[in-house]
Amino acid sequence: MSKSDEAKLRELRLAAKLRENLKRRKGQARARADADAQAPAAPDLEIGQDLDPGKTS
């Protein structure tokens, strides 16, 4: 096998690995986006507002 053939094969393997990596990362990003969309929103707190409403100052 010549050097140019080896280089072509290496480039093909690299391209395949990059495609697999991109698909995996896109899937992870979609899963995070779905989880964020389904998570309940945290209540907005004003400055000075206590987290424990039953607590008296």
N, C-alpha and C. Protein backbone atom coordinates (compact mmCIF):
# COMPACT_ATOMS: atom_id res chain seq x y z
N MET A 1 0.85 -1.17 0.00
CA MET A 1 0.00 0.00 0.00
C MET A 1 0.90 1.24 0.00
N SER A 2 0.58 2.17 -0.88
CA SER A 2 1.42 3.36 -0.99
C SER A 2 1.07 4.38 0.10
N LYS A 3 1.94 5.32 0.26
CA LYS A 3 1.73 6.37 1.27
C LYS A 3 0.46 7.16 0.99
N SER A 4 0.19 7.42 -0.28
CA SER A 4 -1.02 8.19 -0.61
C SER A 4 -2.28 7.39 -0.29
N ASP A 5 -2.22 6.06 -0.51
CA ASP A 5 -3.37 5.22 -0.16
C ASP A 5 -3.58 5.20 1.35
N GLU A 6 -2.49 5.13 2.10
CA GLU A 6 -2.59 5.14 3.56
C GLU A 6 -3.15 6.48 4.04
N ALA A 7 -2.73 7.56 3.43
CA ALA A 7 -3.22 8.88 3.81
C ALA A 7 -4.72 9.00 3.50
N LYS A 8 -5.15 8.46 2.38
CA LYS A 8 -6.57 8.51 2.02
C LYS A 8 -7.41 7.70 3.01
N LEU A 9 -6.91 6.52 3.37
CA LEU A 9 -7.62 5.69 4.34
C LEU A 9 -7.70 6.38 5.71
N ARG A 10 -6.60 6.98 6.10
CA ARG A 10 -6.57 7.70 7.37
C ARG A 10 -7.58 8.85 7.35
N GLU A 11 -7.63 9.58 6.24
CA GLU A 11 -8.56 10.69 6.11
C GLU A 11 -10.01 10.19 6.16
N LEU A 12 -10.28 9.06 5.52
CA LEU A 12 -11.63 8.48 5.55
C LEU A 12 -12.02 8.05 6.97
N ARG A 13 -11.07 7.42 7.68
CA ARG A 13 -11.35 7.01 9.06
C ARG A 13 -11.62 8.22 9.94
N LEU A 14 -10.81 9.27 9.76
CA LEU A 14 -10.98 10.49 10.54
C LEU A 14 -12.34 11.13 10.25
N ALA A 15 -12.71 11.20 8.99
CA ALA A 15 -14.00 11.79 8.62
C ALA A 15 -15.15 11.00 9.24
N ALA A 16 -15.04 9.68 9.24
CA ALA A 16 -16.09 8.85 9.84
C ALA A 16 -16.18 9.09 11.35
N LYS A 17 -15.04 9.17 12.00
CA LYS A 17 -15.03 9.42 13.45
C LYS A 17 -15.62 10.80 13.76
N LEU A 18 -15.28 11.79 12.94
CA LEU A 18 -15.82 13.13 13.16
C LEU A 18 -17.35 13.15 12.98
N ARG A 19 -17.85 12.42 11.99
CA ARG A 19 -19.31 12.34 11.79
C ARG A 19 -19.98 11.68 13.00
N GLU A 20 -19.39 10.59 13.49
CA GLU A 20 -19.94 9.90 14.66
C GLU A 20 -19.94 10.83 15.87
N ASN A 21 -18.86 11.55 16.06
CA ASN A 21 -18.74 12.47 17.19
C ASN A 21 -19.80 13.58 17.09
N LEU A 22 -19.99 14.12 15.89
CA LEU A 22 -20.98 15.17 15.71
C LEU A 22 -22.39 14.66 16.01
N LYS A 23 -22.71 13.46 15.52
CA LYS A 23 -24.03 12.87 15.80
C LYS A 23 -24.23 12.68 17.30
N ARG A 24 -23.19 12.20 17.98
CA ARG A 24 -23.29 11.98 19.43
C ARG A 24 -23.50 13.30 20.16
N ARG A 25 -22.72 14.32 19.79
CA ARG A 25 -22.84 15.62 20.45
C ARG A 25 -24.19 16.27 20.19
N LYS A 26 -24.72 16.12 18.97
CA LYS A 26 -26.05 16.67 18.66
C LYS A 26 -27.11 15.96 19.49
N GLY A 27 -26.98 14.65 19.64
CA GLY A 27 -27.93 13.90 20.46
C GLY A 27 -27.88 14.34 21.91
N GLN A 28 -26.68 14.56 22.42
CA GLN A 28 -26.54 15.04 23.80
C GLN A 28 -27.15 16.42 23.96
N ALA A 29 -26.94 17.29 22.99
CA ALA A 29 -27.49 18.65 23.05
C ALA A 29 -29.02 18.60 23.01
N ARG A 30 -29.58 17.73 22.16
CA ARG A 30 -31.03 17.58 22.10
C ARG A 30 -31.58 17.07 23.43
N ALA A 31 -30.90 16.11 24.01
CA ALA A 31 -31.35 15.55 25.29
C ALA A 31 -31.32 16.62 26.37
N ARG A 32 -30.26 17.44 26.40
CA ARG A 32 -30.19 18.53 27.39
C ARG A 32 -31.30 19.54 27.16
N ALA A 33 -31.56 19.88 25.90
CA ALA A 33 -32.61 20.85 25.58
C ALA A 33 -33.98 20.30 26.00
N ASP A 34 -34.21 19.03 25.75
CA ASP A 34 -35.48 18.41 26.15
C ASP A 34 -35.62 18.39 27.67
N ALA A 35 -34.54 18.08 28.36
CA ALA A 35 -34.58 18.05 29.83
C ALA A 35 -34.83 19.45 30.38
N ASP A 36 -34.21 20.46 29.78
CA ASP A 36 -34.41 21.83 30.23
C ASP A 36 -35.85 22.28 29.98
N ALA A 37 -36.42 21.86 28.85
CA ALA A 37 -37.79 22.24 28.52
C ALA A 37 -38.79 21.57 29.47
N GLN A 38 -38.48 20.39 29.95
CA GLN A 38 -39.40 19.67 30.83
C GLN A 38 -39.21 20.02 32.29
N ALA A 39 -38.08 20.61 32.64
CA ALA A 39 -37.81 20.94 34.05
C ALA A 39 -38.70 22.10 34.48
N PRO A 40 -39.23 22.02 35.70
CA PRO A 40 -40.06 23.14 36.18
C PRO A 40 -39.19 24.38 36.38
N ALA A 41 -39.78 25.51 36.07
CA ALA A 41 -39.04 26.76 36.21
C ALA A 41 -38.90 27.11 37.67
N ALA A 42 -37.76 27.63 38.05
CA ALA A 42 -37.52 28.07 39.42
C ALA A 42 -38.27 29.38 39.65
N PRO A 43 -38.87 29.55 40.83
CA PRO A 43 -39.58 30.80 41.09
C PRO A 43 -38.60 31.97 41.17
N ASP A 44 -39.05 33.10 40.67
CA ASP A 44 -38.21 34.30 40.75
C ASP A 44 -38.29 34.85 42.16
N LEU A 45 -37.15 35.14 42.73
CA LEU A 45 -37.09 35.69 44.08
C LEU A 45 -36.64 37.14 44.00
N GLU A 46 -37.29 37.97 44.79
CA GLU A 46 -36.88 39.37 44.85
C GLU A 46 -35.81 39.50 45.92
N ILE A 47 -35.03 40.54 45.81
CA ILE A 47 -33.99 40.78 46.80
C ILE A 47 -34.67 41.00 48.14
N GLY A 48 -34.17 40.32 49.16
CA GLY A 48 -34.72 40.45 50.51
C GLY A 48 -35.85 39.47 50.79
N GLN A 49 -36.35 38.79 49.77
CA GLN A 49 -37.43 37.82 49.98
C GLN A 49 -36.83 36.56 50.60
N ASP A 50 -37.46 36.05 51.64
CA ASP A 50 -36.96 34.87 52.35
C ASP A 50 -37.39 33.61 51.61
N LEU A 51 -36.56 32.60 51.61
CA LEU A 51 -36.88 31.34 50.97
C LEU A 51 -37.90 30.55 51.77
N ASP A 52 -37.97 30.76 53.07
CA ASP A 52 -38.89 30.05 53.95
C ASP A 52 -40.05 30.98 54.29
N PRO A 53 -41.22 30.82 53.64
CA PRO A 53 -42.33 31.75 53.89
C PRO A 53 -42.90 31.63 55.30
N GLY A 54 -42.69 30.52 55.98
CA GLY A 54 -43.23 30.35 57.35
C GLY A 54 -42.34 30.97 58.40
N LYS A 55 -41.17 31.38 58.04
CA LYS A 55 -40.22 31.94 58.98
C LYS A 55 -40.57 33.40 59.28
N THR A 56 -40.56 33.75 60.55
CA THR A 56 -40.82 35.14 60.92
C THR A 56 -39.52 35.80 61.34
N SER A 57 -39.35 37.03 60.97
CA SER A 57 -38.11 37.75 61.29
C SER A 57 -38.21 38.46 62.61
